[in-house]
N, C-alpha and C. Protein backbone atom coordinates (compact mmCIF):
# COMPACT_ATOMS: atom_id res chain seq x y z
N MET A 1 104.14 114.67 100.44
CA MET A 1 103.05 113.71 100.43
C MET A 1 101.82 114.32 101.07
N LYS A 2 100.68 114.22 100.43
CA LYS A 2 99.44 114.74 100.99
C LYS A 2 99.02 113.89 102.18
N GLN A 3 98.38 114.52 103.13
CA GLN A 3 98.03 113.82 104.35
C GLN A 3 97.01 112.71 104.11
N ASP A 4 96.17 112.83 103.06
CA ASP A 4 95.15 111.82 102.81
C ASP A 4 95.67 110.66 101.97
N LYS A 5 96.92 110.67 101.63
CA LYS A 5 97.52 109.59 100.84
C LYS A 5 98.21 108.60 101.76
N VAL A 6 97.98 107.32 101.49
CA VAL A 6 98.65 106.28 102.27
C VAL A 6 100.08 106.12 101.77
N CYS A 7 101.02 106.17 102.69
CA CYS A 7 102.44 106.04 102.36
C CYS A 7 102.79 104.56 102.23
N ARG A 8 103.24 104.16 101.05
CA ARG A 8 103.61 102.77 100.79
C ARG A 8 105.10 102.59 101.10
N ILE A 9 105.38 101.67 102.02
CA ILE A 9 106.73 101.51 102.57
C ILE A 9 107.31 100.15 102.18
N PHE A 10 108.57 100.17 101.79
CA PHE A 10 109.30 98.94 101.46
C PHE A 10 110.44 98.80 102.46
N ILE A 11 110.59 97.61 103.05
CA ILE A 11 111.59 97.38 104.09
C ILE A 11 112.72 96.51 103.56
N VAL A 12 113.96 96.94 103.80
CA VAL A 12 115.13 96.14 103.41
C VAL A 12 115.99 95.91 104.65
N ASP A 13 116.00 94.67 105.13
CA ASP A 13 116.77 94.30 106.32
C ASP A 13 117.08 92.82 106.24
N ASP A 14 118.26 92.43 106.71
CA ASP A 14 118.65 91.02 106.60
C ASP A 14 118.06 90.14 107.69
N HIS A 15 117.37 90.73 108.66
CA HIS A 15 116.77 89.94 109.74
C HIS A 15 115.24 89.92 109.61
N PRO A 16 114.64 88.75 109.39
CA PRO A 16 113.18 88.65 109.27
C PRO A 16 112.45 89.22 110.47
N ALA A 17 112.99 89.01 111.68
CA ALA A 17 112.33 89.50 112.88
C ALA A 17 112.25 91.02 112.90
N VAL A 18 113.29 91.67 112.38
CA VAL A 18 113.29 93.14 112.31
C VAL A 18 112.23 93.61 111.32
N ARG A 19 112.16 92.95 110.17
CA ARG A 19 111.15 93.33 109.18
C ARG A 19 109.75 93.16 109.75
N GLN A 20 109.54 92.06 110.49
CA GLN A 20 108.24 91.84 111.11
C GLN A 20 107.95 92.91 112.16
N GLY A 21 108.99 93.34 112.86
CA GLY A 21 108.81 94.39 113.85
C GLY A 21 108.37 95.70 113.24
N VAL A 22 108.98 96.07 112.12
CA VAL A 22 108.58 97.30 111.43
C VAL A 22 107.14 97.18 110.93
N MET A 23 106.79 96.01 110.42
CA MET A 23 105.42 95.80 109.96
C MET A 23 104.42 95.99 111.10
N ALA A 24 104.78 95.48 112.28
CA ALA A 24 103.89 95.62 113.43
C ALA A 24 103.73 97.09 113.83
N ILE A 25 104.82 97.83 113.79
CA ILE A 25 104.77 99.26 114.12
C ILE A 25 103.89 100.01 113.13
N VAL A 26 104.12 99.76 111.85
CA VAL A 26 103.40 100.48 110.80
C VAL A 26 101.92 100.11 110.78
N SER A 27 101.59 98.89 111.21
CA SER A 27 100.19 98.43 111.16
C SER A 27 99.28 99.30 112.02
N HIS A 28 99.86 100.02 112.98
CA HIS A 28 99.06 100.89 113.85
C HIS A 28 98.89 102.30 113.28
N GLU A 29 99.50 102.56 112.12
CA GLU A 29 99.43 103.89 111.52
C GLU A 29 98.50 103.86 110.30
N PRO A 30 97.35 104.54 110.37
CA PRO A 30 96.38 104.48 109.27
C PRO A 30 96.86 105.07 107.96
N ASP A 31 97.90 105.91 108.01
CA ASP A 31 98.39 106.54 106.79
C ASP A 31 99.62 105.84 106.23
N MET A 32 99.91 104.62 106.73
CA MET A 32 101.07 103.87 106.26
C MET A 32 100.70 102.44 105.91
N LEU A 33 101.42 101.88 104.92
CA LEU A 33 101.17 100.51 104.48
C LEU A 33 102.47 99.88 104.01
N ILE A 34 102.79 98.69 104.50
CA ILE A 34 103.95 97.96 104.01
C ILE A 34 103.59 97.29 102.69
N CYS A 35 104.33 97.62 101.64
CA CYS A 35 104.02 97.06 100.31
C CYS A 35 104.98 95.95 99.91
N GLY A 36 106.08 95.76 100.67
CA GLY A 36 107.02 94.71 100.31
C GLY A 36 108.23 94.71 101.22
N GLU A 37 109.06 93.68 101.06
CA GLU A 37 110.25 93.54 101.88
C GLU A 37 111.33 92.78 101.13
N ALA A 38 112.58 92.93 101.57
CA ALA A 38 113.70 92.24 100.96
C ALA A 38 114.82 92.13 101.98
N SER A 39 115.75 91.19 101.74
CA SER A 39 116.86 90.99 102.66
C SER A 39 118.21 91.40 102.08
N GLY A 40 118.26 91.64 100.76
CA GLY A 40 119.52 91.99 100.13
C GLY A 40 119.32 92.91 98.94
N VAL A 41 120.42 93.36 98.36
CA VAL A 41 120.36 94.32 97.26
C VAL A 41 119.65 93.78 96.02
N PRO A 42 119.99 92.58 95.53
CA PRO A 42 119.35 92.11 94.28
C PRO A 42 117.83 92.01 94.36
N ASP A 43 117.32 91.37 95.44
CA ASP A 43 115.87 91.24 95.54
C ASP A 43 115.21 92.59 95.83
N ALA A 44 115.91 93.47 96.55
CA ALA A 44 115.36 94.80 96.80
C ALA A 44 115.18 95.57 95.50
N MET A 45 116.20 95.57 94.66
CA MET A 45 116.11 96.28 93.38
C MET A 45 115.01 95.72 92.51
N GLN A 46 114.87 94.41 92.51
CA GLN A 46 113.83 93.77 91.70
C GLN A 46 112.44 94.18 92.16
N HIS A 47 112.21 94.13 93.47
CA HIS A 47 110.88 94.45 94.00
C HIS A 47 110.58 95.94 93.93
N ILE A 48 111.57 96.77 94.19
CA ILE A 48 111.35 98.22 94.13
C ILE A 48 110.98 98.64 92.72
N ALA A 49 111.60 98.02 91.71
CA ALA A 49 111.28 98.34 90.32
C ALA A 49 109.82 98.05 90.00
N THR A 50 109.28 97.02 90.63
CA THR A 50 107.89 96.62 90.37
C THR A 50 106.91 97.40 91.24
N LEU A 51 107.24 97.55 92.51
CA LEU A 51 106.31 98.13 93.47
C LEU A 51 106.35 99.65 93.53
N MET A 52 107.51 100.24 93.25
CA MET A 52 107.70 101.69 93.32
C MET A 52 107.10 102.28 94.59
N PRO A 53 107.66 101.93 95.75
CA PRO A 53 107.14 102.44 97.03
C PRO A 53 107.39 103.94 97.17
N ASP A 54 106.69 104.53 98.12
CA ASP A 54 106.94 105.94 98.43
C ASP A 54 108.23 106.09 99.24
N VAL A 55 108.42 105.18 100.19
CA VAL A 55 109.60 105.23 101.07
C VAL A 55 110.20 103.83 101.20
N ALA A 56 111.52 103.76 101.13
CA ALA A 56 112.24 102.52 101.43
C ALA A 56 113.01 102.71 102.73
N VAL A 57 112.78 101.83 103.69
CA VAL A 57 113.51 101.85 104.96
C VAL A 57 114.61 100.81 104.84
N ILE A 58 115.87 101.24 104.89
CA ILE A 58 117.00 100.40 104.51
C ILE A 58 118.03 100.28 105.63
N ASP A 59 118.43 99.05 105.92
CA ASP A 59 119.49 98.79 106.90
C ASP A 59 120.85 98.89 106.20
N ILE A 60 121.91 99.06 106.97
CA ILE A 60 123.26 99.09 106.41
C ILE A 60 123.72 97.67 106.06
N SER A 61 123.61 96.76 107.01
CA SER A 61 124.06 95.37 106.81
C SER A 61 122.94 94.56 106.17
N LEU A 62 123.22 93.99 105.00
CA LEU A 62 122.22 93.22 104.28
C LEU A 62 122.75 91.83 103.97
N LYS A 63 121.86 90.94 103.59
CA LYS A 63 122.25 89.56 103.28
C LYS A 63 123.20 89.51 102.10
N ILE A 64 122.89 90.28 101.06
CA ILE A 64 123.77 90.41 99.90
C ILE A 64 123.93 91.90 99.61
N GLY A 65 125.18 92.38 99.54
CA GLY A 65 125.42 93.80 99.33
C GLY A 65 125.28 94.58 100.62
N ASN A 66 125.22 95.91 100.51
CA ASN A 66 125.06 96.75 101.71
C ASN A 66 124.14 97.92 101.42
N GLY A 67 123.63 98.50 102.50
CA GLY A 67 122.61 99.52 102.38
C GLY A 67 123.04 100.78 101.66
N ILE A 68 124.27 101.22 101.86
CA ILE A 68 124.74 102.44 101.21
C ILE A 68 124.76 102.26 99.69
N ASP A 69 125.25 101.11 99.23
CA ASP A 69 125.24 100.83 97.80
C ASP A 69 123.82 100.79 97.26
N LEU A 70 122.91 100.20 98.03
CA LEU A 70 121.51 100.12 97.60
C LEU A 70 120.91 101.52 97.48
N VAL A 71 121.19 102.38 98.44
CA VAL A 71 120.69 103.75 98.38
C VAL A 71 121.17 104.44 97.10
N LYS A 72 122.44 104.27 96.78
CA LYS A 72 122.99 104.89 95.56
C LYS A 72 122.29 104.37 94.31
N ARG A 73 122.05 103.06 94.26
CA ARG A 73 121.42 102.48 93.07
C ARG A 73 119.96 102.90 92.93
N VAL A 74 119.24 102.91 94.04
CA VAL A 74 117.83 103.33 93.99
C VAL A 74 117.74 104.80 93.59
N LYS A 75 118.61 105.63 94.15
CA LYS A 75 118.63 107.06 93.82
C LYS A 75 118.86 107.26 92.33
N ALA A 76 119.77 106.47 91.75
CA ALA A 76 120.11 106.62 90.34
C ALA A 76 119.01 106.09 89.42
N GLU A 77 118.40 104.97 89.79
CA GLU A 77 117.45 104.31 88.90
C GLU A 77 115.99 104.66 89.19
N TYR A 78 115.67 104.94 90.45
CA TYR A 78 114.28 105.24 90.82
C TYR A 78 114.26 106.46 91.74
N PRO A 79 114.57 107.63 91.21
CA PRO A 79 114.73 108.83 92.05
C PRO A 79 113.47 109.26 92.80
N SER A 80 112.31 108.77 92.38
CA SER A 80 111.08 109.15 93.08
C SER A 80 110.92 108.42 94.41
N VAL A 81 111.68 107.34 94.60
CA VAL A 81 111.60 106.58 95.85
C VAL A 81 112.46 107.27 96.91
N ARG A 82 111.85 107.66 98.00
CA ARG A 82 112.57 108.33 99.07
C ARG A 82 113.06 107.30 100.09
N MET A 83 114.21 107.56 100.67
CA MET A 83 114.85 106.52 101.49
C MET A 83 115.24 107.01 102.88
N LEU A 84 115.01 106.13 103.85
CA LEU A 84 115.43 106.32 105.23
C LEU A 84 116.37 105.17 105.60
N VAL A 85 117.58 105.49 106.02
CA VAL A 85 118.51 104.46 106.49
C VAL A 85 118.30 104.27 107.98
N TRP A 86 118.07 103.03 108.38
CA TRP A 86 117.74 102.68 109.77
C TRP A 86 118.71 101.59 110.19
N SER A 87 119.66 101.91 111.06
CA SER A 87 120.77 100.99 111.31
C SER A 87 121.21 101.00 112.77
N MET A 88 121.93 99.94 113.14
CA MET A 88 122.50 99.84 114.49
C MET A 88 123.84 100.55 114.60
N PHE A 89 124.42 100.95 113.45
CA PHE A 89 125.76 101.54 113.47
C PHE A 89 125.72 103.02 113.86
N PRO A 90 126.83 103.53 114.40
CA PRO A 90 126.86 104.91 114.91
C PRO A 90 126.50 105.94 113.85
N ASP A 91 125.68 106.90 114.23
CA ASP A 91 125.29 107.95 113.28
C ASP A 91 126.48 108.79 112.86
N THR A 92 127.48 108.92 113.74
CA THR A 92 128.64 109.74 113.41
C THR A 92 129.43 109.15 112.25
N LEU A 93 129.28 107.86 112.02
CA LEU A 93 130.02 107.21 110.94
C LEU A 93 129.19 107.06 109.68
N TYR A 94 127.89 106.81 109.84
CA TYR A 94 127.08 106.46 108.68
C TYR A 94 126.04 107.49 108.26
N ALA A 95 125.64 108.39 109.14
CA ALA A 95 124.57 109.34 108.80
C ALA A 95 124.95 110.20 107.60
N ALA A 96 126.13 110.81 107.64
CA ALA A 96 126.56 111.66 106.53
C ALA A 96 126.73 110.85 105.25
N ARG A 97 127.25 109.63 105.38
CA ARG A 97 127.41 108.77 104.20
C ARG A 97 126.05 108.44 103.58
N ALA A 98 125.07 108.17 104.43
CA ALA A 98 123.73 107.84 103.94
C ALA A 98 123.12 109.02 103.18
N LEU A 99 123.26 110.22 103.73
CA LEU A 99 122.71 111.40 103.07
C LEU A 99 123.43 111.69 101.76
N ARG A 100 124.75 111.54 101.76
CA ARG A 100 125.50 111.75 100.52
C ARG A 100 125.11 110.74 99.45
N ALA A 101 124.78 109.53 99.88
CA ALA A 101 124.40 108.49 98.92
C ALA A 101 123.04 108.75 98.29
N GLY A 102 122.20 109.53 98.99
CA GLY A 102 120.89 109.84 98.43
C GLY A 102 119.72 109.63 99.36
N ALA A 103 119.97 109.15 100.59
CA ALA A 103 118.89 109.00 101.56
C ALA A 103 118.47 110.37 102.08
N LEU A 104 117.24 110.45 102.57
CA LEU A 104 116.75 111.70 103.16
C LEU A 104 116.81 111.68 104.68
N GLY A 105 117.09 110.51 105.24
CA GLY A 105 117.14 110.45 106.70
C GLY A 105 117.99 109.31 107.20
N TYR A 106 118.39 109.44 108.46
CA TYR A 106 119.16 108.39 109.14
C TYR A 106 118.64 108.28 110.56
N LEU A 107 118.39 107.04 110.99
CA LEU A 107 117.91 106.81 112.35
C LEU A 107 118.58 105.55 112.90
N ASN A 108 118.99 105.61 114.15
CA ASN A 108 119.59 104.45 114.79
C ASN A 108 118.49 103.53 115.32
N LYS A 109 118.73 102.23 115.26
CA LYS A 109 117.72 101.26 115.70
C LYS A 109 117.47 101.32 117.20
N SER A 110 118.35 101.97 117.93
CA SER A 110 118.14 102.12 119.37
C SER A 110 117.15 103.23 119.69
N ASP A 111 116.81 104.04 118.70
CA ASP A 111 115.84 105.12 118.91
C ASP A 111 114.43 104.54 118.99
N SER A 112 113.49 105.34 119.46
CA SER A 112 112.15 104.85 119.75
C SER A 112 111.33 104.57 118.49
N THR A 113 110.28 103.77 118.66
CA THR A 113 109.38 103.48 117.54
C THR A 113 108.66 104.75 117.09
N GLU A 114 108.39 105.65 118.04
CA GLU A 114 107.76 106.92 117.68
C GLU A 114 108.65 107.72 116.74
N GLN A 115 109.97 107.67 117.00
CA GLN A 115 110.90 108.38 116.12
C GLN A 115 110.96 107.74 114.74
N LEU A 116 110.84 106.42 114.67
CA LEU A 116 110.83 105.74 113.38
C LEU A 116 109.62 106.18 112.56
N VAL A 117 108.47 106.23 113.18
CA VAL A 117 107.25 106.66 112.48
C VAL A 117 107.39 108.11 112.02
N GLU A 118 107.91 108.96 112.91
CA GLU A 118 108.11 110.37 112.55
C GLU A 118 109.10 110.50 111.40
N ALA A 119 110.16 109.71 111.43
CA ALA A 119 111.18 109.75 110.37
C ALA A 119 110.58 109.35 109.03
N ILE A 120 109.78 108.29 109.02
CA ILE A 120 109.15 107.84 107.77
C ILE A 120 108.24 108.93 107.21
N ARG A 121 107.46 109.57 108.08
CA ARG A 121 106.54 110.62 107.62
C ARG A 121 107.31 111.80 107.02
N MET A 122 108.38 112.21 107.68
CA MET A 122 109.15 113.35 107.17
C MET A 122 109.83 113.03 105.85
N VAL A 123 110.42 111.84 105.76
CA VAL A 123 111.08 111.44 104.52
C VAL A 123 110.06 111.33 103.39
N ALA A 124 108.88 110.82 103.69
CA ALA A 124 107.82 110.70 102.68
C ALA A 124 107.43 112.07 102.12
N GLN A 125 107.59 113.11 102.93
CA GLN A 125 107.28 114.47 102.50
C GLN A 125 108.46 115.14 101.79
N GLY A 126 109.54 114.40 101.64
CA GLY A 126 110.72 114.95 100.97
C GLY A 126 111.60 115.79 101.87
N LYS A 127 111.44 115.63 103.19
CA LYS A 127 112.21 116.42 104.14
C LYS A 127 113.35 115.58 104.73
N ILE A 128 114.44 116.25 105.09
CA ILE A 128 115.56 115.59 105.75
C ILE A 128 115.18 115.24 107.19
N TYR A 129 115.50 114.01 107.61
CA TYR A 129 115.26 113.64 109.00
C TYR A 129 116.55 113.18 109.67
N LEU A 130 116.92 113.88 110.71
CA LEU A 130 117.98 113.47 111.63
C LEU A 130 117.52 113.84 113.03
N THR A 131 117.86 113.05 114.02
CA THR A 131 117.52 113.45 115.38
C THR A 131 118.35 114.67 115.75
N GLU A 132 117.91 115.40 116.77
CA GLU A 132 118.66 116.58 117.21
C GLU A 132 120.08 116.19 117.62
N GLU A 133 120.20 115.04 118.28
CA GLU A 133 121.53 114.60 118.73
C GLU A 133 122.44 114.31 117.55
N THR A 134 121.90 113.65 116.52
CA THR A 134 122.70 113.33 115.34
C THR A 134 123.12 114.60 114.61
N SER A 135 122.19 115.52 114.45
CA SER A 135 122.50 116.79 113.78
C SER A 135 123.61 117.53 114.51
N ALA A 136 123.52 117.57 115.84
CA ALA A 136 124.53 118.28 116.63
C ALA A 136 125.90 117.62 116.49
N ARG A 137 125.92 116.29 116.51
CA ARG A 137 127.20 115.58 116.39
C ARG A 137 127.83 115.79 115.02
N LEU A 138 127.00 115.77 113.98
CA LEU A 138 127.53 115.96 112.63
C LEU A 138 128.10 117.36 112.46
N LEU A 139 127.40 118.35 113.00
CA LEU A 139 127.90 119.72 112.92
C LEU A 139 129.19 119.89 113.71
N GLN A 140 129.24 119.26 114.87
CA GLN A 140 130.45 119.36 115.70
C GLN A 140 131.64 118.73 114.98
N GLU A 141 131.41 117.58 114.34
CA GLU A 141 132.49 116.92 113.61
C GLU A 141 132.94 117.75 112.41
N LYS A 142 131.98 118.40 111.75
CA LYS A 142 132.30 119.16 110.55
C LYS A 142 133.12 120.41 110.87
N PHE A 143 132.75 121.10 111.94
CA PHE A 143 133.38 122.38 112.24
C PHE A 143 134.39 122.33 113.38
N ASN A 144 134.44 121.21 114.07
CA ASN A 144 135.39 121.11 115.19
C ASN A 144 135.91 119.68 115.26
N ASN A 145 136.71 119.31 114.27
CA ASN A 145 137.17 117.94 114.16
C ASN A 145 138.70 117.87 114.24
N PRO A 146 139.26 117.96 115.44
CA PRO A 146 140.71 117.95 115.58
C PRO A 146 141.31 116.61 115.19
N VAL A 147 142.60 116.62 114.92
CA VAL A 147 143.30 115.39 114.59
C VAL A 147 143.26 114.46 115.79
N ARG A 148 142.95 113.18 115.54
CA ARG A 148 142.85 112.23 116.63
C ARG A 148 144.23 111.95 117.21
N GLU A 149 144.34 112.06 118.54
CA GLU A 149 145.61 111.79 119.20
C GLU A 149 145.48 110.66 120.22
N ASP A 150 144.32 110.00 120.22
CA ASP A 150 144.07 108.96 121.22
C ASP A 150 144.24 107.56 120.65
N GLY A 151 144.77 107.46 119.44
CA GLY A 151 144.97 106.15 118.83
C GLY A 151 143.74 105.59 118.16
N ALA A 152 142.64 106.32 118.19
CA ALA A 152 141.41 105.83 117.58
C ALA A 152 141.54 105.83 116.05
N LEU A 153 140.86 104.89 115.43
CA LEU A 153 140.90 104.80 113.97
C LEU A 153 140.11 105.93 113.35
N SER A 154 140.65 106.55 112.31
CA SER A 154 139.95 107.61 111.59
C SER A 154 139.19 106.99 110.42
N LEU A 155 138.07 106.34 110.72
CA LEU A 155 137.34 105.61 109.69
C LEU A 155 136.67 106.52 108.68
N ASP A 156 136.59 107.81 108.98
CA ASP A 156 136.05 108.74 108.00
C ASP A 156 136.96 108.87 106.79
N LEU A 157 138.19 108.36 106.90
CA LEU A 157 139.11 108.38 105.76
C LEU A 157 138.74 107.33 104.72
N LEU A 158 137.96 106.34 105.13
CA LEU A 158 137.62 105.24 104.24
C LEU A 158 136.45 105.59 103.34
N SER A 159 136.48 105.07 102.12
CA SER A 159 135.33 105.22 101.22
C SER A 159 134.22 104.31 101.72
N ASP A 160 133.02 104.47 101.17
CA ASP A 160 131.90 103.62 101.57
C ASP A 160 132.22 102.14 101.37
N ARG A 161 132.81 101.80 100.22
CA ARG A 161 133.13 100.41 99.93
C ARG A 161 134.23 99.89 100.87
N GLU A 162 135.23 100.71 101.14
CA GLU A 162 136.30 100.30 102.04
C GLU A 162 135.77 100.06 103.45
N LEU A 163 134.84 100.90 103.88
CA LEU A 163 134.25 100.74 105.20
C LEU A 163 133.46 99.44 105.28
N GLU A 164 132.75 99.10 104.20
CA GLU A 164 131.99 97.86 104.17
C GLU A 164 132.93 96.65 104.26
N VAL A 165 134.03 96.68 103.53
CA VAL A 165 135.01 95.59 103.60
C VAL A 165 135.60 95.50 105.01
N PHE A 166 135.92 96.64 105.61
CA PHE A 166 136.47 96.67 106.97
C PHE A 166 135.49 96.04 107.96
N LYS A 167 134.22 96.36 107.81
CA LYS A 167 133.19 95.80 108.70
C LYS A 167 133.11 94.28 108.56
N LEU A 168 133.12 93.81 107.33
CA LEU A 168 133.04 92.37 107.08
C LEU A 168 134.27 91.63 107.61
N ILE A 169 135.43 92.27 107.50
CA ILE A 169 136.65 91.69 108.07
C ILE A 169 136.47 91.51 109.58
N GLY A 170 135.91 92.52 110.23
CA GLY A 170 135.67 92.44 111.66
C GLY A 170 134.68 91.36 112.05
N GLU A 171 133.79 91.01 111.13
CA GLU A 171 132.81 89.95 111.38
C GLU A 171 133.39 88.56 111.12
N GLY A 172 134.66 88.51 110.71
CA GLY A 172 135.30 87.23 110.48
C GLY A 172 135.03 86.62 109.13
N VAL A 173 134.58 87.44 108.19
CA VAL A 173 134.26 86.95 106.85
C VAL A 173 135.54 86.85 106.03
N SER A 174 135.72 85.74 105.32
CA SER A 174 136.92 85.55 104.51
C SER A 174 136.90 86.44 103.28
N THR A 175 138.06 86.59 102.65
CA THR A 175 138.15 87.42 101.44
C THR A 175 137.23 86.89 100.35
N GLN A 176 137.19 85.58 100.17
CA GLN A 176 136.31 84.99 99.15
C GLN A 176 134.85 85.27 99.47
N GLN A 177 134.47 85.14 100.74
CA GLN A 177 133.08 85.39 101.13
C GLN A 177 132.72 86.87 100.99
N ILE A 178 133.68 87.75 101.29
CA ILE A 178 133.45 89.18 101.09
C ILE A 178 133.19 89.46 99.63
N ALA A 179 134.01 88.87 98.76
CA ALA A 179 133.85 89.07 97.31
C ALA A 179 132.47 88.63 96.85
N GLU A 180 132.00 87.50 97.36
CA GLU A 180 130.68 87.00 96.98
C GLU A 180 129.58 87.89 97.55
N SER A 181 129.77 88.36 98.77
CA SER A 181 128.75 89.17 99.43
C SER A 181 128.52 90.50 98.75
N ILE A 182 129.62 91.17 98.36
CA ILE A 182 129.47 92.50 97.75
C ILE A 182 129.67 92.47 96.25
N MET A 183 129.70 91.24 95.69
CA MET A 183 129.68 91.04 94.24
C MET A 183 130.88 91.69 93.55
N LEU A 184 132.08 91.40 94.08
CA LEU A 184 133.33 91.86 93.49
C LEU A 184 134.28 90.68 93.36
N SER A 185 135.35 90.86 92.60
CA SER A 185 136.35 89.81 92.47
C SER A 185 137.23 89.76 93.71
N ILE A 186 137.88 88.61 93.93
CA ILE A 186 138.77 88.46 95.08
C ILE A 186 139.93 89.46 95.00
N SER A 187 140.46 89.66 93.80
CA SER A 187 141.58 90.60 93.64
C SER A 187 141.17 92.02 93.99
N THR A 188 139.93 92.39 93.67
CA THR A 188 139.44 93.73 94.01
C THR A 188 139.32 93.88 95.52
N VAL A 189 138.82 92.85 96.18
CA VAL A 189 138.72 92.89 97.64
C VAL A 189 140.10 93.01 98.27
N GLU A 190 141.08 92.29 97.72
CA GLU A 190 142.45 92.39 98.23
C GLU A 190 142.99 93.81 98.06
N THR A 191 142.63 94.44 96.95
CA THR A 191 143.04 95.83 96.73
C THR A 191 142.45 96.74 97.79
N TYR A 192 141.17 96.52 98.12
CA TYR A 192 140.53 97.31 99.17
C TYR A 192 141.21 97.09 100.51
N ARG A 193 141.60 95.86 100.80
CA ARG A 193 142.29 95.57 102.06
C ARG A 193 143.60 96.37 102.15
N GLN A 194 144.33 96.43 101.05
CA GLN A 194 145.59 97.18 101.04
C GLN A 194 145.34 98.67 101.22
N ARG A 195 144.30 99.18 100.59
CA ARG A 195 143.97 100.61 100.74
C ARG A 195 143.59 100.93 102.17
N ILE A 196 142.81 100.04 102.78
CA ILE A 196 142.39 100.25 104.16
C ILE A 196 143.61 100.31 105.08
N LYS A 197 144.52 99.37 104.91
CA LYS A 197 145.74 99.36 105.74
C LYS A 197 146.55 100.64 105.56
N ALA A 198 146.63 101.10 104.34
CA ALA A 198 147.40 102.32 104.08
C ALA A 198 146.74 103.54 104.73
N LYS A 199 145.43 103.66 104.58
CA LYS A 199 144.72 104.83 105.12
C LYS A 199 144.70 104.84 106.64
N LEU A 200 144.63 103.65 107.24
CA LEU A 200 144.55 103.57 108.71
C LEU A 200 145.91 103.33 109.36
N ASN A 201 146.95 103.36 108.53
CA ASN A 201 148.31 103.15 109.04
C ASN A 201 148.44 101.82 109.76
N ILE A 202 147.90 100.78 109.13
CA ILE A 202 147.96 99.42 109.67
C ILE A 202 149.01 98.65 108.88
N ASN A 203 149.87 97.93 109.58
CA ASN A 203 151.04 97.33 108.93
C ASN A 203 150.88 95.87 108.52
N SER A 204 149.93 95.15 109.10
CA SER A 204 149.82 93.73 108.79
C SER A 204 148.36 93.30 108.72
N ASN A 205 148.13 92.13 108.12
CA ASN A 205 146.77 91.59 108.05
C ASN A 205 146.25 91.23 109.43
N THR A 206 147.14 90.76 110.29
CA THR A 206 146.73 90.43 111.65
C THR A 206 146.24 91.67 112.40
N GLU A 207 146.96 92.76 112.25
CA GLU A 207 146.56 94.02 112.88
C GLU A 207 145.26 94.54 112.27
N LEU A 208 145.09 94.32 110.98
CA LEU A 208 143.86 94.75 110.30
C LEU A 208 142.65 94.03 110.89
N VAL A 209 142.76 92.71 111.03
CA VAL A 209 141.66 91.92 111.60
C VAL A 209 141.39 92.34 113.03
N ARG A 210 142.44 92.49 113.83
CA ARG A 210 142.28 92.88 115.23
C ARG A 210 141.60 94.24 115.35
N SER A 211 142.00 95.18 114.51
CA SER A 211 141.41 96.53 114.55
C SER A 211 139.94 96.50 114.15
N ALA A 212 139.63 95.70 113.14
CA ALA A 212 138.24 95.61 112.67
C ALA A 212 137.34 94.97 113.72
N VAL A 213 137.83 93.91 114.35
CA VAL A 213 137.07 93.25 115.41
C VAL A 213 136.84 94.19 116.58
N GLN A 214 137.88 94.91 116.98
CA GLN A 214 137.77 95.85 118.10
C GLN A 214 136.76 96.94 117.80
N TRP A 215 136.78 97.44 116.56
CA TRP A 215 135.83 98.49 116.18
C TRP A 215 134.40 97.98 116.27
N LEU A 216 134.15 96.77 115.79
CA LEU A 216 132.80 96.22 115.85
C LEU A 216 132.35 96.03 117.30
N LEU A 217 133.26 95.58 118.15
CA LEU A 217 132.91 95.40 119.56
C LEU A 217 132.54 96.74 120.20
N GLU A 218 133.27 97.78 119.86
CA GLU A 218 133.00 99.11 120.43
C GLU A 218 131.68 99.67 119.93
N THR A 219 131.37 99.47 118.65
CA THR A 219 130.13 100.02 118.10
C THR A 219 128.90 99.27 118.57
N SER A 220 129.08 98.03 119.04
CA SER A 220 127.94 97.23 119.49
C SER A 220 127.62 97.45 120.95
N GLN A 221 128.44 98.22 121.65
CA GLN A 221 128.23 98.45 123.08
C GLN A 221 127.10 99.45 123.31
């Protein structure tokens, strides 16, 4: 992106207050402009098709669907739109998934507003953005990832869709509500539940729910 061009940004987040916060941050940057916003996958796809922003800033948890799926769809249908995933979830779990899906950057919401602005600028230029800490952790996991012996769940074994179902289970969402949220049939969601239990060596639905809730509690600390 040329320096004299205003970067048009589209925000996708399920919390209106968060979207307003990003707008406030961007309003202080003369080379950036918010061109639209959405809370879920369907409205995001509709608006992106019309607005064709330079950068989409996308959360993982959305009102309908999830951010990783949205990144994949935007990459496939509108490859000129560059994407930054901005989430509260651990970078060790989602950063690599976001990049594989087609995003150019990943930033945790606990990072500074200055880092968010820097990330948007780099992604707008077509460059990969990860913090130094995230890059170091990803490299360490890739080249020095011993088998877990502490009883921790190996969530990297789960596919993107399975991880989304696991997260929703931890939030107390019913199978029917999960199906509606991610636009799948109830039987398909049940299949994902069985796959998750098999991959994580979980023997019962009760243990599945307990494990998912515990994981969410740990990631929110």
